Amino acid sequence: MSTHDILHRLSDTLASRRHADPETSYTAQLFAKGQDAILKKIGEETAELIMAAKDGKRLNIVWESTDVIYHILVLLAFHGMGIEDVSQEMRRREGISGIDEKKSRGAAK
């Protein structure tokens, strides 16, 4: 099983929870609460990831990274997007200097 496979399956599962019962699905609860609740969770999980990284505990870094990725995927699903949207952008950026890519986005704004 590849990373690609698991992220795509998870992305599809999250999209399917859009209209699930919030009583039986944590993801459906987040969708029902709306974007602000999802963004709050991303902020909380990101802060926990920062603290785990500062502590240098590998397993905690993995756990918190997983939580951040999960909640980002929930946000994407909330907006009708999925991991494939992010994958396409990653492919577009592949081989481009981060400095050059950042400059190109600044010019487009």
Protein backbone atom coordinates (compact mmCIF):
# COMPACT_ATOMS: atom_id res chain seq x y z
CA MET A 1 0.00 0.00 0.00
CA SER A 2 1.51 3.33 -1.01
CA THR A 3 1.21 6.72 0.64
CA HIS A 4 -0.57 7.86 -2.50
CA ASP A 5 -3.20 5.13 -2.05
CA ILE A 6 -3.94 5.82 1.61
CA LEU A 7 -4.23 9.59 1.12
CA HIS A 8 -6.58 9.13 -1.83
CA ARG A 9 -8.72 6.60 0.02
CA LEU A 10 -8.88 8.87 3.06
CA SER A 11 -9.76 11.86 0.89
CA ASP A 12 -12.57 9.87 -0.75
CA THR A 13 -13.84 8.66 2.63
CA LEU A 14 -13.90 12.18 4.04
CA ALA A 15 -15.84 13.44 1.02
CA SER A 16 -18.38 10.64 1.57
CA ARG A 17 -18.89 11.81 5.17
CA ARG A 18 -20.15 15.22 3.99
CA HIS A 19 -23.76 14.12 4.52
CA ALA A 20 -23.19 11.44 7.15
CA ASP A 21 -24.83 11.46 10.56
CA PRO A 22 -22.87 13.70 12.96
CA GLU A 23 -23.94 11.34 15.76
CA THR A 24 -21.86 8.53 14.25
CA SER A 25 -19.04 10.33 12.42
CA TYR A 26 -16.44 12.73 13.81
CA THR A 27 -15.84 14.05 10.30
CA ALA A 28 -19.57 14.68 9.85
CA GLN A 29 -19.53 16.56 13.17
CA LEU A 30 -16.80 18.83 11.85
CA PHE A 31 -18.70 19.42 8.60
CA ALA A 32 -21.87 20.22 10.57
CA LYS A 33 -20.02 22.72 12.75
CA GLY A 34 -18.66 24.47 9.66
CA GLN A 35 -15.42 25.92 8.42
CA ASP A 36 -14.56 27.86 11.58
CA ALA A 37 -14.57 24.64 13.64
CA ILE A 38 -12.38 22.91 11.06
CA LEU A 39 -9.95 25.82 10.99
CA LYS A 40 -9.83 25.86 14.79
CA LYS A 41 -8.90 22.16 14.79
CA ILE A 42 -6.16 22.79 12.22
CA GLY A 43 -4.78 25.53 14.47
CA GLU A 44 -4.92 23.34 17.57
CA GLU A 45 -3.31 20.37 15.84
CA THR A 46 -0.62 22.55 14.27
CA ALA A 47 0.25 23.99 17.70
CA GLU A 48 0.47 20.43 19.05
CA LEU A 49 2.76 19.49 16.16
CA ILE A 50 5.01 22.44 16.92
CA MET A 51 5.27 21.40 20.56
CA ALA A 52 5.96 17.77 19.61
CA ALA A 53 8.73 18.91 17.27
CA LYS A 54 10.25 21.12 19.95
CA ASP A 55 10.24 18.11 22.32
CA GLY A 56 11.92 16.06 19.59
CA LYS A 57 9.86 12.93 20.24
CA ARG A 58 9.56 11.15 16.90
CA LEU A 59 6.38 9.23 17.67
CA ASN A 60 4.59 12.36 18.90
CA ILE A 61 5.71 14.22 15.77
CA VAL A 62 4.22 11.44 13.63
CA TRP A 63 0.95 11.42 15.60
CA GLU A 64 0.51 15.18 15.45
CA SER A 65 1.52 15.34 11.78
CA THR A 66 -1.15 12.75 11.06
CA ASP A 67 -3.74 14.85 12.89
CA VAL A 68 -2.75 17.98 10.93
CA ILE A 69 -2.93 16.15 7.59
CA TYR A 70 -6.31 14.63 8.50
CA HIS A 71 -7.81 18.00 9.40
CA ILE A 72 -6.40 19.64 6.26
CA LEU A 73 -8.06 16.89 4.23
CA VAL A 74 -11.33 17.61 6.07
CA LEU A 75 -10.99 21.29 5.10
CA LEU A 76 -10.37 20.34 1.48
CA ALA A 77 -13.44 18.07 1.50
CA PHE A 78 -15.50 20.86 3.08
CA HIS A 79 -14.65 22.97 0.01
CA GLY A 80 -15.36 20.14 -2.43
CA MET A 81 -11.69 19.41 -3.02
CA GLY A 82 -9.43 16.51 -2.20
CA ILE A 83 -5.86 15.32 -2.09
CA GLU A 84 -5.74 15.19 -5.88
CA ASP A 85 -6.04 18.98 -6.01
CA VAL A 86 -3.00 19.28 -3.77
CA SER A 87 -1.16 16.54 -5.69
CA GLN A 88 -1.66 18.40 -8.95
CA GLU A 89 -0.20 21.56 -7.46
CA MET A 90 2.74 19.62 -6.03
CA ARG A 91 3.41 18.16 -9.47
CA ARG A 92 3.26 21.66 -10.98
CA ARG A 93 5.81 22.93 -8.46
CA GLU A 94 8.16 19.96 -8.77
CA GLY A 95 11.56 21.09 -9.98
CA ILE A 96 10.80 24.79 -9.45
CA SER A 97 12.87 26.73 -6.95
CA GLY A 98 10.82 27.65 -3.89
CA ILE A 99 12.02 31.22 -4.27
CA ASP A 100 10.92 31.37 -7.92
CA GLU A 101 7.58 29.71 -7.17
CA LYS A 102 6.85 32.18 -4.36
CA LYS A 103 7.71 35.11 -6.63
CA SER A 104 5.35 33.81 -9.34
CA ARG A 105 2.43 33.68 -6.88
CA GLY A 106 3.16 37.20 -5.67
CA ALA A 107 2.94 38.51 -9.23
CA ALA A 108 -0.40 36.75 -9.80
CA LYS A 109 -2.10 38.37 -6.79
